[in-house]
């Protein structure tokens, strides 16, 4: 039998706490009433412990985006086919091969069975269900379009996973080139360059040592003597950056830095704008009020600067102004996008204009991303070749001078 903790007040108003074994909260309330106690708070101890564990578990454990996309789609299909929510979650929990998702869905099913809304149950696992997913499910539950909301979340998650996969595969070769180039240059500086120190001693005494060679030898000597300190500093810097990125100010700083990267910054912002337009259009198309839609779609952008601009636009909407004006003033949305939003507002067709904007923006941005990655490969090769050539030339010039002197 479950054990419940309670906080109650007696007839004199004094607070009383304790635990009771009962079959449910109603039975606990009945027992307290028989004792002339008025319940203030009743908690299932097992659920309280599970909630604490789920918060830690949900924040630390992650589930693959492709797996989540399939989960959302299957849940939507089961609900649309008339299968009750509890049974649908039970089926998905038993069928999934992902251990993390299996445990999470089992706990969500138990919570929903006890009367907790699906969105609230999802929100207990922020590492598994994104903020946008939770908000979409909440809106779908309140607006009566839960199946469509789950379908949209599944499609959106799949698109995000596809974009991530394309980006990782495209960046794999440039990253490989950079890593190999860094290792080669480090090996040259630490193990190869010092062997030339004695050969260049005569040129140094004559004052004929090229400045590039002097710098190269000095840098090589520094790495030999203090390379371990450099590695420790790099390691500490990485830890400090990770800790900073776990804070709200650090995340905002990272978003600001991303936008300042040439070419890539515009690409990332356009993808954020496309996500915002798609989610907002979906919510408006399902009859969700624009204020609520804007609050939900903010979480889909993935960029805190754009999210803040959307929050400001929401306040303008509350004041009776248009949506396009504050978005245009933010400077984050392309001019053609804000113009189309303005036209959609004037014609009262935002719910159809916004998905079209998202489609068009994503197509253009994907083309730019592909072009950026294709250009990045030869640029990385060129940079690595120049660095290696600079090291070789810095060593070769004094060697030629020494041979000429002889």
Protein backbone atom coordinates (compact mmCIF):
# COMPACT_ATOMS: atom_id res chain seq x y z
CA UNK A 1 0.00 0.00 0.00
CA UNK A 2 1.42 3.44 -0.91
CA UNK A 3 2.67 5.74 1.82
CA UNK A 4 1.64 9.41 1.77
CA UNK A 5 3.18 12.32 3.62
CA UNK A 6 0.81 15.08 4.67
CA UNK A 7 0.72 18.59 6.04
CA UNK A 8 -2.54 19.44 7.82
CA UNK A 9 -3.99 21.79 10.43
CA UNK A 10 -6.02 20.87 13.50
CA UNK A 11 -9.04 22.70 14.89
CA UNK A 12 -6.83 25.22 16.67
CA UNK A 13 -4.94 26.02 13.46
CA UNK A 14 -1.70 24.31 14.46
CA UNK A 15 0.25 22.60 11.69
CA UNK A 16 0.49 18.82 11.85
CA UNK A 17 2.71 16.61 9.68
CA UNK A 18 3.03 12.87 9.33
CA UNK A 19 2.63 9.86 7.05
CA UNK A 20 -0.33 7.61 6.28
CA UNK A 21 -0.64 4.35 4.36
CA UNK A 22 -3.64 4.52 2.03
CA UNK A 23 -4.85 3.55 -1.44
CA UNK A 24 -5.03 7.13 -2.70
CA UNK A 25 -5.17 10.81 -1.83
CA UNK A 26 -8.95 10.68 -1.32
CA UNK A 27 -8.57 7.99 1.31
CA UNK A 28 -5.85 10.08 3.00
CA UNK A 29 -8.23 13.07 3.07
CA UNK A 30 -10.93 10.87 4.61
CA UNK A 31 -8.61 9.58 7.33
CA UNK A 32 -7.45 13.10 8.16
CA UNK A 33 -11.06 14.28 8.32
CA UNK A 34 -11.85 11.51 10.82
CA UNK A 35 -8.96 12.80 12.93
CA UNK A 36 -10.41 16.36 12.75
CA UNK A 37 -7.52 17.50 10.59
CA UNK A 38 -7.77 19.70 7.51
CA UNK A 39 -5.30 18.60 4.78
CA UNK A 40 -3.08 21.34 3.32
CA UNK A 41 -0.76 19.17 1.24
CA UNK A 42 -0.70 15.44 0.51
CA UNK A 43 2.18 13.79 -1.41
CA UNK A 44 2.85 10.23 -2.46
CA UNK A 45 6.35 9.51 -1.09
CA UNK A 46 7.13 7.12 -3.92
CA UNK A 47 6.15 9.74 -6.51
CA UNK A 48 8.07 12.46 -4.69
CA UNK A 49 11.22 10.38 -4.81
CA UNK A 50 10.52 9.47 -8.42
CA UNK A 51 10.06 13.13 -9.28
CA UNK A 52 13.44 14.00 -7.80
CA UNK A 53 15.07 11.14 -9.64
CA UNK A 54 13.26 11.96 -12.86
CA UNK A 55 14.46 15.56 -12.72
CA UNK A 56 18.05 14.40 -12.38
CA UNK A 57 17.52 11.53 -14.79
CA UNK A 58 15.77 13.68 -17.36
CA UNK A 59 18.37 16.42 -17.20
CA UNK A 60 21.34 14.06 -17.56
CA UNK A 61 20.03 11.43 -19.98
CA UNK A 62 19.29 12.07 -23.62
CA UNK A 63 17.46 10.20 -26.34
CA UNK A 64 18.42 10.23 -30.00
CA UNK A 65 16.38 12.73 -32.02
CA UNK A 66 15.44 10.13 -34.62
CA UNK A 67 14.07 7.87 -31.88
CA UNK A 68 12.02 10.73 -30.46
CA UNK A 69 10.67 11.57 -33.92
CA UNK A 70 9.41 7.99 -34.31
CA UNK A 71 7.93 8.08 -30.80
CA UNK A 72 5.92 11.25 -31.48
CA UNK A 73 4.65 9.89 -34.81
CA UNK A 74 3.62 6.53 -33.33
CA UNK A 75 1.85 8.16 -30.37
CA UNK A 76 -0.07 10.43 -32.76
CA UNK A 77 -1.06 7.45 -34.94
CA UNK A 78 -2.29 5.40 -31.97
CA UNK A 79 -4.35 8.28 -30.57
CA UNK A 80 -5.80 9.06 -34.00
CA UNK A 81 -6.82 5.39 -34.34
CA UNK A 82 -8.86 5.65 -31.13
CA UNK A 83 -6.44 3.90 -28.78
CA UNK A 84 -6.71 5.43 -25.26
CA UNK A 85 -3.75 7.49 -24.02
CA UNK A 86 -2.76 5.08 -21.21
CA UNK A 87 -2.79 2.08 -23.53
CA UNK A 88 -0.89 3.99 -26.23
CA UNK A 89 1.89 4.92 -23.81
CA UNK A 90 1.98 1.37 -22.48
CA UNK A 91 2.37 -0.01 -26.01
CA UNK A 92 5.16 2.44 -26.88
CA UNK A 93 6.96 1.75 -23.60
CA UNK A 94 6.96 -1.99 -24.27
CA UNK A 95 7.93 -1.67 -27.94
CA UNK A 96 10.80 0.81 -27.81
CA UNK A 97 14.32 -0.61 -27.76
CA UNK A 98 15.82 2.51 -26.18
CA UNK A 99 16.27 1.81 -22.46
CA UNK A 100 16.14 5.47 -21.45
CA UNK A 101 12.97 6.17 -23.41
CA UNK A 102 11.37 2.95 -22.12
CA UNK A 103 11.81 4.06 -18.48
CA UNK A 104 10.72 7.61 -19.22
CA UNK A 105 7.54 6.59 -21.09
CA UNK A 106 6.68 4.09 -18.33
CA UNK A 107 6.88 6.87 -15.74
CA UNK A 108 4.91 9.26 -17.98
CA UNK A 109 2.20 6.61 -18.38
CA UNK A 110 1.97 6.19 -14.59
CA UNK A 111 1.65 9.94 -14.09
CA UNK A 112 -0.99 10.34 -16.79
CA UNK A 113 -2.89 7.43 -15.26
CA UNK A 114 -2.95 9.35 -11.98
CA UNK A 115 -4.49 12.35 -13.74
CA UNK A 116 -1.44 14.43 -14.60
CA UNK A 117 -1.63 16.16 -18.01
CA UNK A 118 0.64 14.72 -20.70
CA UNK A 119 2.50 18.00 -21.15
CA UNK A 120 3.25 18.22 -17.43
CA UNK A 121 4.53 14.64 -17.40
CA UNK A 122 6.77 15.41 -20.39
CA UNK A 123 8.14 18.54 -18.70
CA UNK A 124 9.66 16.42 -15.91
CA UNK A 125 12.21 15.11 -18.42
CA UNK A 126 13.83 18.17 -20.05
CA UNK A 127 16.68 16.03 -21.35
CA UNK A 128 14.25 13.88 -23.34
CA UNK A 129 11.38 16.21 -24.26
CA UNK A 130 12.42 19.66 -25.47
CA UNK A 131 10.74 22.82 -24.22
CA UNK A 132 9.15 23.33 -27.63
CA UNK A 133 7.76 19.77 -27.62
CA UNK A 134 6.28 20.22 -24.15
CA UNK A 135 4.66 23.53 -25.09
CA UNK A 136 3.26 22.10 -28.34
CA UNK A 137 1.75 19.13 -26.47
CA UNK A 138 0.25 21.46 -23.87
CA UNK A 139 -1.28 23.63 -26.57
CA UNK A 140 -2.56 20.55 -28.43
CA UNK A 141 -4.14 19.17 -25.28
CA UNK A 142 -5.84 22.48 -24.47
CA UNK A 143 -6.92 23.16 -28.05
CA UNK A 144 -8.11 19.66 -28.93
CA UNK A 145 -5.52 18.98 -31.63
CA UNK A 146 -3.08 16.79 -29.68
CA UNK A 147 -2.63 14.29 -32.52
CA UNK A 148 -1.73 17.05 -34.98
CA UNK A 149 0.58 18.64 -32.42
CA UNK A 150 2.42 15.35 -31.89
CA UNK A 151 2.69 14.87 -35.66
CA UNK A 152 4.14 18.37 -36.05
CA UNK A 153 6.61 17.82 -33.22
CA UNK A 154 7.69 14.52 -34.80
CA UNK A 155 8.17 16.13 -38.21
CA UNK A 156 10.02 19.07 -36.70
CA UNK A 157 12.28 16.75 -34.68
CA UNK A 158 13.02 14.70 -37.79
CA UNK A 159 13.92 17.84 -39.76
CA UNK A 160 16.21 18.98 -36.95
CA UNK A 161 17.90 15.59 -36.81
CA UNK A 162 18.32 15.56 -40.59
CA UNK A 163 19.91 19.01 -40.50
CA UNK A 164 22.22 17.95 -37.68
CA UNK A 165 23.23 14.80 -39.56
CA UNK A 166 23.89 16.71 -42.77
CA UNK A 167 25.95 19.30 -40.93
CA UNK A 168 28.02 16.72 -39.05
CA UNK A 169 28.70 14.65 -42.17
CA UNK A 170 29.61 17.76 -44.13
CA UNK A 171 31.93 19.05 -41.40
CA UNK A 172 33.60 15.67 -40.78
CA UNK A 173 36.23 16.07 -43.50
CA UNK A 174 37.21 19.69 -42.64
CA UNK A 175 37.49 18.73 -38.96
CA UNK A 176 39.62 15.72 -39.92
CA UNK A 177 41.90 17.95 -41.99
CA UNK A 178 42.23 20.43 -39.15
CA UNK A 179 43.02 17.68 -36.62
CA UNK A 180 45.61 15.98 -38.82
CA UNK A 181 47.18 19.32 -39.73
CA UNK A 182 47.43 20.34 -36.07
CA UNK A 183 49.08 17.03 -35.14
CA UNK A 184 51.56 17.25 -38.04
CA UNK A 185 52.58 20.84 -37.22
CA UNK A 186 52.89 20.05 -33.49
CA UNK A 187 55.11 17.04 -34.21
CA UNK A 188 57.28 19.19 -36.51
CA UNK A 189 57.67 21.91 -33.89
CA UNK A 190 58.30 19.65 -30.90
CA UNK A 191 60.40 16.83 -32.37
CA UNK A 192 61.75 17.91 -35.75
CA UNK A 193 62.61 21.63 -35.53
CA UNK A 194 64.86 21.38 -32.39
CA UNK A 195 67.27 19.10 -34.31
CA UNK A 196 68.22 22.10 -36.48
CA UNK A 197 69.25 24.25 -33.50
CA UNK A 198 72.95 23.28 -33.63
CA UNK A 199 73.10 23.61 -37.43
CA UNK A 200 71.94 27.23 -37.24
CA UNK A 201 74.27 28.25 -34.40
CA UNK A 202 76.95 29.54 -36.83
CA UNK A 203 74.43 31.72 -38.68
CA UNK A 204 73.13 33.08 -35.38
CA UNK A 205 76.65 34.10 -34.30
CA UNK A 206 77.15 35.88 -37.62
CA UNK A 207 73.78 37.61 -37.25
CA UNK A 208 72.53 36.08 -40.48
CA UNK A 209 69.69 34.04 -39.00
CA UNK A 210 66.35 34.87 -40.71
CA UNK A 211 63.76 36.33 -38.31
CA UNK A 212 61.20 33.69 -39.31
CA UNK A 213 63.60 30.91 -38.28
CA UNK A 214 64.38 32.65 -34.99
CA UNK A 215 60.69 32.87 -34.17
CA UNK A 216 60.15 29.25 -35.19
CA UNK A 217 62.99 28.01 -32.99
CA UNK A 218 61.82 30.15 -30.07
CA UNK A 219 58.26 28.83 -30.38
CA UNK A 220 59.54 25.26 -30.64
CA UNK A 221 61.66 25.74 -27.50
CA UNK A 222 58.65 27.21 -25.69
CA UNK A 223 56.49 24.18 -26.56
CA UNK A 224 59.22 21.80 -25.40
CA UNK A 225 59.62 23.59 -22.08
CA UNK A 226 56.06 24.68 -21.34
CA UNK A 227 53.89 22.53 -23.61
CA UNK A 228 52.42 20.68 -20.62
CA UNK A 229 51.36 24.02 -19.11
CA UNK A 230 49.68 24.97 -22.40
CA UNK A 231 47.77 21.66 -22.38
CA UNK A 232 46.63 22.21 -18.78
CA UNK A 233 45.51 25.77 -19.59
CA UNK A 234 43.57 24.52 -22.63
CA UNK A 235 41.93 21.83 -20.50
CA UNK A 236 40.97 24.34 -17.80
CA UNK A 237 39.68 26.77 -20.43
CA UNK A 238 37.44 24.06 -21.91
CA UNK A 239 36.03 23.25 -18.46
CA UNK A 240 35.45 26.95 -17.72
CA UNK A 241 33.66 27.45 -21.05
CA UNK A 242 31.44 24.42 -20.42
CA UNK A 243 30.54 25.72 -16.96
CA UNK A 244 29.82 29.14 -18.44
CA UNK A 245 27.59 27.63 -21.13
CA UNK A 246 25.50 25.95 -18.44
CA UNK A 247 24.40 29.38 -17.20
CA UNK A 248 21.74 31.54 -18.84
CA UNK A 249 24.20 34.37 -19.49
CA UNK A 250 26.67 31.91 -20.98
CA UNK A 251 24.07 30.49 -23.34
CA UNK A 252 23.12 33.98 -24.47
CA UNK A 253 26.80 34.80 -24.99
CA UNK A 254 27.19 31.65 -27.12
CA UNK A 255 24.16 32.60 -29.23
CA UNK A 256 25.63 36.07 -29.76
CA UNK A 257 29.02 34.63 -30.77
CA UNK A 258 27.42 32.22 -33.24
CA UNK A 259 25.70 35.07 -35.04
CA UNK A 260 29.00 36.93 -35.46
CA UNK A 261 30.65 34.05 -37.36
CA UNK A 262 30.93 35.12 -41.02
CA UNK A 263 28.43 33.37 -43.33
CA UNK A 264 27.62 30.70 -40.72
CA UNK A 265 25.98 33.26 -38.42
CA UNK A 266 23.44 34.23 -41.09
CA UNK A 267 22.76 30.57 -41.83
CA UNK A 268 22.06 29.75 -38.18
CA UNK A 269 19.80 32.78 -37.74
CA UNK A 270 17.81 31.96 -40.89
CA UNK A 271 17.25 28.41 -39.64
CA UNK A 272 16.04 29.80 -36.29
CA UNK A 273 13.65 32.16 -38.09
CA UNK A 274 12.37 29.27 -40.22
CA UNK A 275 11.66 27.18 -37.12
CA UNK A 276 9.83 30.10 -35.52
CA UNK A 277 7.67 30.68 -38.61
CA UNK A 278 6.80 26.99 -38.98
CA UNK A 279 5.75 26.48 -35.36
CA UNK A 280 3.84 29.79 -35.21
CA UNK A 281 2.02 29.01 -38.45
CA UNK A 282 1.10 25.53 -37.21
CA UNK A 283 -0.32 26.85 -33.94
CA UNK A 284 -2.28 29.65 -35.61
CA UNK A 285 -3.63 27.17 -38.16
CA UNK A 286 -4.97 25.04 -35.31
CA UNK A 287 -6.78 27.96 -33.73
CA UNK A 288 -4.38 28.76 -30.90
CA UNK A 289 -4.53 32.49 -29.98
CA UNK A 290 -1.62 34.52 -31.31
CA UNK A 291 -0.29 35.48 -27.85
CA UNK A 292 -0.15 31.85 -26.76
CA UNK A 293 1.29 30.86 -30.15
CA UNK A 294 4.08 33.42 -29.87
CA UNK A 295 4.95 32.27 -26.35
CA UNK A 296 5.23 28.66 -27.53
CA UNK A 297 7.06 29.37 -30.79
CA UNK A 298 9.72 31.35 -28.91
CA UNK A 299 11.08 28.08 -27.52
CA UNK A 300 11.44 26.64 -31.04
CA UNK A 301 13.95 29.24 -32.26
CA UNK A 302 16.97 27.82 -30.44
CA UNK A 303 18.40 31.34 -30.16
CA UNK A 304 17.88 33.47 -27.07
CA UNK A 305 18.42 36.78 -28.87
CA UNK A 306 15.67 36.03 -31.37
CA UNK A 307 13.50 34.65 -28.57
CA UNK A 308 13.83 37.94 -26.70
CA UNK A 309 12.82 39.89 -29.81
CA UNK A 310 9.75 37.68 -30.16
CA UNK A 311 8.91 38.36 -26.49
CA UNK A 312 9.07 42.10 -27.20
CA UNK A 313 6.84 41.57 -30.24
CA UNK A 314 4.37 39.70 -28.03
CA UNK A 315 4.12 42.74 -25.77
CA UNK A 316 3.44 44.89 -28.83
CA UNK A 317 0.65 42.53 -29.87
CA UNK A 318 -0.89 42.89 -26.41
CA UNK A 319 -0.82 46.65 -26.93
CA UNK A 320 -2.73 46.28 -30.20
CA UNK A 321 0.21 46.82 -32.57
CA UNK A 322 1.29 44.63 -35.48
CA UNK A 323 3.70 41.70 -35.30
CA UNK A 324 5.88 42.69 -38.25
CA UNK A 325 6.97 46.09 -36.89
CA UNK A 326 8.92 44.95 -33.78
CA UNK A 327 10.31 41.94 -35.63
CA UNK A 328 11.59 44.25 -38.36
CA UNK A 329 13.11 46.56 -35.75
CA UNK A 330 15.00 43.68 -34.11
CA UNK A 331 17.18 43.27 -37.21
CA UNK A 332 17.31 39.48 -36.87
CA UNK A 333 14.70 38.65 -39.53
CA UNK A 334 15.41 39.17 -43.24
CA UNK A 335 13.57 42.11 -44.78
CA UNK A 336 11.59 39.91 -47.17
CA UNK A 337 10.39 37.74 -44.26
CA UNK A 338 9.08 40.69 -42.22
CA UNK A 339 7.45 42.07 -45.38
CA UNK A 340 5.63 38.76 -45.98
CA UNK A 341 4.54 38.67 -42.32
CA UNK A 342 3.19 42.21 -42.71
CA UNK A 343 1.24 41.18 -45.82
CA UNK A 344 -0.08 38.11 -44.00
CA UNK A 345 -1.31 40.27 -41.13
CA UNK A 346 -3.04 42.69 -43.48
CA UNK A 347 -4.75 39.87 -45.38
CA UNK A 348 -5.49 37.88 -42.20
CA UNK A 349 -3.68 34.83 -43.61
CA UNK A 350 -0.67 34.47 -41.30
CA UNK A 351 -1.39 30.78 -40.70
CA UNK A 352 -0.83 30.05 -44.41
CA UNK A 353 1.92 32.60 -45.08
CA UNK A 354 4.21 31.52 -42.25
CA UNK A 355 4.69 27.86 -43.34
CA UNK A 356 5.45 29.11 -46.88
CA UNK A 357 8.06 31.47 -45.43
CA UNK A 358 9.62 28.58 -43.49
CA UNK A 359 9.76 26.34 -46.59
CA UNK A 360 11.36 29.04 -48.73
CA UNK A 361 13.82 30.10 -46.05
CA UNK A 362 14.92 26.53 -45.32
CA UNK A 363 15.53 25.75 -49.00
CA UNK A 364 17.68 28.85 -49.49
CA UNK A 365 19.54 28.29 -46.24
CA UNK A 366 20.29 24.63 -47.00
CA UNK A 367 21.77 25.67 -50.34
CA UNK A 368 23.96 28.26 -48.60
CA UNK A 369 25.01 25.69 -45.98
CA UNK A 370 26.04 23.18 -48.66
CA UNK A 371 28.02 25.87 -50.48
CA UNK A 372 29.67 27.00 -47.24
CA UNK A 373 30.83 23.46 -46.41
CA UNK A 374 32.08 22.85 -49.94
CA UNK A 375 34.17 26.02 -49.77
CA UNK A 376 35.40 25.18 -46.28
CA UNK A 377 37.21 22.02 -47.44
CA UNK A 378 39.63 23.70 -49.89
CA UNK A 379 40.10 26.59 -47.47
CA UNK A 380 41.16 24.17 -44.72
CA UNK A 381 43.54 22.41 -47.13
CA UNK A 382 45.03 25.75 -48.16
CA UNK A 383 45.51 26.93 -44.57
CA UNK A 384 47.19 23.67 -43.54
CA UNK A 385 49.42 23.72 -46.64
CA UNK A 386 50.46 27.33 -45.92
CA UNK A 387 51.34 26.53 -42.30
CA UNK A 388 53.39 23.46 -43.21
CA UNK A 389 55.09 25.39 -46.02
CA UNK A 390 55.92 28.22 -43.61
CA UNK A 391 57.62 25.76 -41.22
CA UNK A 392 59.55 24.09 -44.03
CA UNK A 393 60.66 27.38 -45.57
CA UNK A 394 61.75 28.75 -42.19
CA UNK A 395 64.04 25.72 -41.89
CA UNK A 396 65.11 25.53 -45.52
CA UNK A 397 66.29 29.14 -45.98
CA UNK A 398 69.04 28.99 -43.31
CA UNK A 399 70.10 25.56 -44.58
CA UNK A 400 70.62 27.05 -48.03
CA UNK A 401 72.53 29.99 -46.50
CA UNK A 402 74.79 27.58 -44.62
CA UNK A 403 75.55 25.57 -47.75
CA UNK A 404 76.31 28.76 -49.68
CA UNK A 405 78.66 29.97 -46.97
CA UNK A 406 80.56 26.71 -47.14
